[in-house]
Amino acid sequence: MPDLTAIAATADQMAMGALAQLRARGLRCPDDVSVIGCNDIWPSRDTWPPLTTVHLPLAEAGRHALRLGIAALAGEVTRDHLPVHLVVRESTGPARR
């Protein structure tokens, strides 16, 4: 396996699976490998170590998608962005070489 320093998952559930696989292989998070997820689902804070994640407000994401769809149908171009933020917990640390 190449020298892996971090795993960035597209969903917290995938990141939780990565945490379990790292543990099964005797690797420590974040000492050996950092892990980050996306969605900030409530179990993310209860993993070991607690999962660093990107908070995505799902209800707002739905409303935002609807607004973008309506704007596109009207021929409008918008550059709106969804308000996301990083929730730093204990599953990430400095990169090691």
C-alpha atoms as a PDB file:
ATOM      1  CA  MET A   1       0.000   0.000   0.000  1.00  0.00           C
ATOM      2  CA  PRO A   2       1.330   3.479  -0.845  1.00  0.00           C
ATOM      3  CA  ASP A   3       2.094   5.911   1.951  1.00  0.00           C
ATOM      4  CA  LEU A   4      -1.432   7.021   2.704  1.00  0.00           C
ATOM      5  CA  THR A   5      -1.762  10.128   4.869  1.00  0.00           C
ATOM      6  CA  ALA A   6      -5.442  11.012   4.500  1.00  0.00           C
ATOM      7  CA  ILE A   7      -8.821   9.773   3.343  1.00  0.00           C
ATOM      8  CA  ALA A   8     -11.485  12.228   2.186  1.00  0.00           C
ATOM      9  CA  ALA A   9     -14.871  10.531   1.891  1.00  0.00           C
ATOM     10  CA  THR A  10     -17.905  11.954   0.094  1.00  0.00           C
ATOM     11  CA  ALA A  11     -20.179  10.925   2.971  1.00  0.00           C
ATOM     12  CA  ASP A  12     -19.751  10.478   6.701  1.00  0.00           C
ATOM     13  CA  GLN A  13     -20.935   6.873   6.447  1.00  0.00           C
ATOM     14  CA  MET A  14     -18.033   6.093   4.092  1.00  0.00           C
ATOM     15  CA  ALA A  15     -15.593   7.858   6.421  1.00  0.00           C
ATOM     16  CA  MET A  16     -16.886   5.761   9.321  1.00  0.00           C
ATOM     17  CA  GLY A  17     -16.195   2.635   7.290  1.00  0.00           C
ATOM     18  CA  ALA A  18     -12.679   3.928   6.609  1.00  0.00           C
ATOM     19  CA  LEU A  19     -12.139   4.445  10.350  1.00  0.00           C
ATOM     20  CA  ALA A  20     -13.183   0.837  10.997  1.00  0.00           C
ATOM     21  CA  GLN A  21     -10.885  -0.511   8.281  1.00  0.00           C
ATOM     22  CA  LEU A  22      -7.927   1.517   9.545  1.00  0.00           C
ATOM     23  CA  ARG A  23      -8.493   0.134  13.052  1.00  0.00           C
ATOM     24  CA  ALA A  24      -8.746  -3.417  11.661  1.00  0.00           C
ATOM     25  CA  ARG A  25      -5.349  -2.922  10.012  1.00  0.00           C
ATOM     26  CA  GLY A  26      -3.739  -1.600  13.181  1.00  0.00           C
ATOM     27  CA  LEU A  27      -3.500   1.993  11.923  1.00  0.00           C
ATOM     28  CA  ARG A  28      -4.232   4.933  14.219  1.00  0.00           C
ATOM     29  CA  CYS A  29      -6.337   7.899  13.236  1.00  0.00           C
ATOM     30  CA  PRO A  30      -5.167  10.640  12.980  1.00  0.00           C
ATOM     31  CA  ASP A  31      -1.613   9.630  13.956  1.00  0.00           C
ATOM     32  CA  ASP A  32      -1.157   7.407  10.883  1.00  0.00           C
ATOM     33  CA  VAL A  33      -4.008   8.504   8.599  1.00  0.00           C
ATOM     34  CA  SER A  34      -6.412  11.451   8.821  1.00  0.00           C
ATOM     35  CA  VAL A  35     -10.049  10.906   7.844  1.00  0.00           C
ATOM     36  CA  ILE A  36     -12.682  13.472   6.861  1.00  0.00           C
ATOM     37  CA  GLY A  37     -16.286  12.986   5.835  1.00  0.00           C
ATOM     38  CA  CYS A  38     -19.094  15.109   4.448  1.00  0.00           C
ATOM     39  CA  ASN A  39     -22.667  15.731   5.661  1.00  0.00           C
ATOM     40  CA  ASP A  40     -22.124  16.084   9.441  1.00  0.00           C
ATOM     41  CA  ILE A  41     -24.678  13.434  10.339  1.00  0.00           C
ATOM     42  CA  TRP A  42     -25.266  13.152  14.090  1.00  0.00           C
ATOM     43  CA  PRO A  43     -23.295   9.886  14.626  1.00  0.00           C
ATOM     44  CA  SER A  44     -20.150  11.632  13.307  1.00  0.00           C
ATOM     45  CA  ARG A  45     -19.416  13.102  16.705  1.00  0.00           C
ATOM     46  CA  ASP A  46     -19.793   9.685  18.366  1.00  0.00           C
ATOM     47  CA  THR A  47     -17.192   7.790  16.300  1.00  0.00           C
ATOM     48  CA  TRP A  48     -13.725   7.069  17.612  1.00  0.00           C
ATOM     49  CA  PRO A  49     -12.062   9.388  17.074  1.00  0.00           C
ATOM     50  CA  PRO A  50     -14.853  11.919  16.523  1.00  0.00           C
ATOM     51  CA  LEU A  51     -15.069  12.545  12.770  1.00  0.00           C
ATOM     52  CA  THR A  52     -13.976  15.790  11.128  1.00  0.00           C
ATOM     53  CA  THR A  53     -16.602  16.575   8.492  1.00  0.00           C
ATOM     54  CA  VAL A  54     -18.009  19.195   6.158  1.00  0.00           C
ATOM     55  CA  HIS A  55     -21.354  20.415   7.493  1.00  0.00           C
ATOM     56  CA  LEU A  56     -23.917  20.416   4.713  1.00  0.00           C
ATOM     57  CA  PRO A  57     -27.318  21.819   5.704  1.00  0.00           C
ATOM     58  CA  LEU A  58     -29.496  19.251   3.908  1.00  0.00           C
ATOM     59  CA  ALA A  59     -32.812  21.132   4.154  1.00  0.00           C
ATOM     60  CA  GLU A  60     -31.155  24.274   2.822  1.00  0.00           C
ATOM     61  CA  ALA A  61     -29.498  22.195   0.067  1.00  0.00           C
ATOM     62  CA  GLY A  62     -32.938  21.066  -1.104  1.00  0.00           C
ATOM     63  CA  ARG A  63     -34.283  24.614  -1.151  1.00  0.00           C
ATOM     64  CA  HIS A  64     -31.135  25.810  -2.910  1.00  0.00           C
ATOM     65  CA  ALA A  65     -31.443  23.112  -5.594  1.00  0.00           C
ATOM     66  CA  LEU A  66     -35.065  24.099  -6.193  1.00  0.00           C
ATOM     67  CA  ARG A  67     -34.133  27.779  -6.559  1.00  0.00           C
ATOM     68  CA  LEU A  68     -31.341  26.892  -9.004  1.00  0.00           C
ATOM     69  CA  GLY A  69     -33.704  24.709 -11.042  1.00  0.00           C
ATOM     70  CA  ILE A  70     -36.343  27.434 -11.254  1.00  0.00           C
ATOM     71  CA  ALA A  71     -33.701  30.005 -12.209  1.00  0.00           C
ATOM     72  CA  ALA A  72     -32.329  27.687 -14.917  1.00  0.00           C
ATOM     73  CA  LEU A  73     -35.823  27.173 -16.360  1.00  0.00           C
ATOM     74  CA  ALA A  74     -36.192  30.963 -16.520  1.00  0.00           C
ATOM     75  CA  GLY A  75     -32.866  31.203 -18.372  1.00  0.00           C
ATOM     76  CA  GLU A  76     -31.111  32.846 -15.452  1.00  0.00           C
ATOM     77  CA  VAL A  77     -27.532  32.118 -14.482  1.00  0.00           C
ATOM     78  CA  THR A  78     -26.750  32.238 -10.799  1.00  0.00           C
ATOM     79  CA  ARG A  79     -23.515  31.863  -8.918  1.00  0.00           C
ATOM     80  CA  ASP A  80     -25.041  31.207  -5.518  1.00  0.00           C
ATOM     81  CA  HIS A  81     -23.205  28.864  -3.204  1.00  0.00           C
ATOM     82  CA  LEU A  82     -24.507  26.650  -0.476  1.00  0.00           C
ATOM     83  CA  PRO A  83     -23.283  27.705   2.978  1.00  0.00           C
ATOM     84  CA  VAL A  84     -21.095  24.826   4.118  1.00  0.00           C
ATOM     85  CA  HIS A  85     -18.438  24.833   6.824  1.00  0.00           C
ATOM     86  CA  LEU A  86     -15.771  22.548   8.196  1.00  0.00           C
ATOM     87  CA  VAL A  87     -16.410  20.895  11.565  1.00  0.00           C
ATOM     88  CA  VAL A  88     -12.977  20.023  12.929  1.00  0.00           C
ATOM     89  CA  ARG A  89     -12.982  17.131  15.347  1.00  0.00           C
ATOM     90  CA  GLU A  90     -10.275  14.622  16.247  1.00  0.00           C
ATOM     91  CA  SER A  91      -9.960  12.479  13.082  1.00  0.00           C
ATOM     92  CA  THR A  92      -7.606  14.872  11.285  1.00  0.00           C
ATOM     93  CA  GLY A  93      -4.093  16.014  12.042  1.00  0.00           C
ATOM     94  CA  PRO A  94      -0.959  17.276  10.316  1.00  0.00           C
ATOM     95  CA  ALA A  95       0.282  15.226   7.363  1.00  0.00           C
ATOM     96  CA  ARG A  96       3.130  12.850   8.197  1.00  0.00           C
ATOM     97  CA  ARG A  97       5.813  11.718   5.796  1.00  0.00           C
END
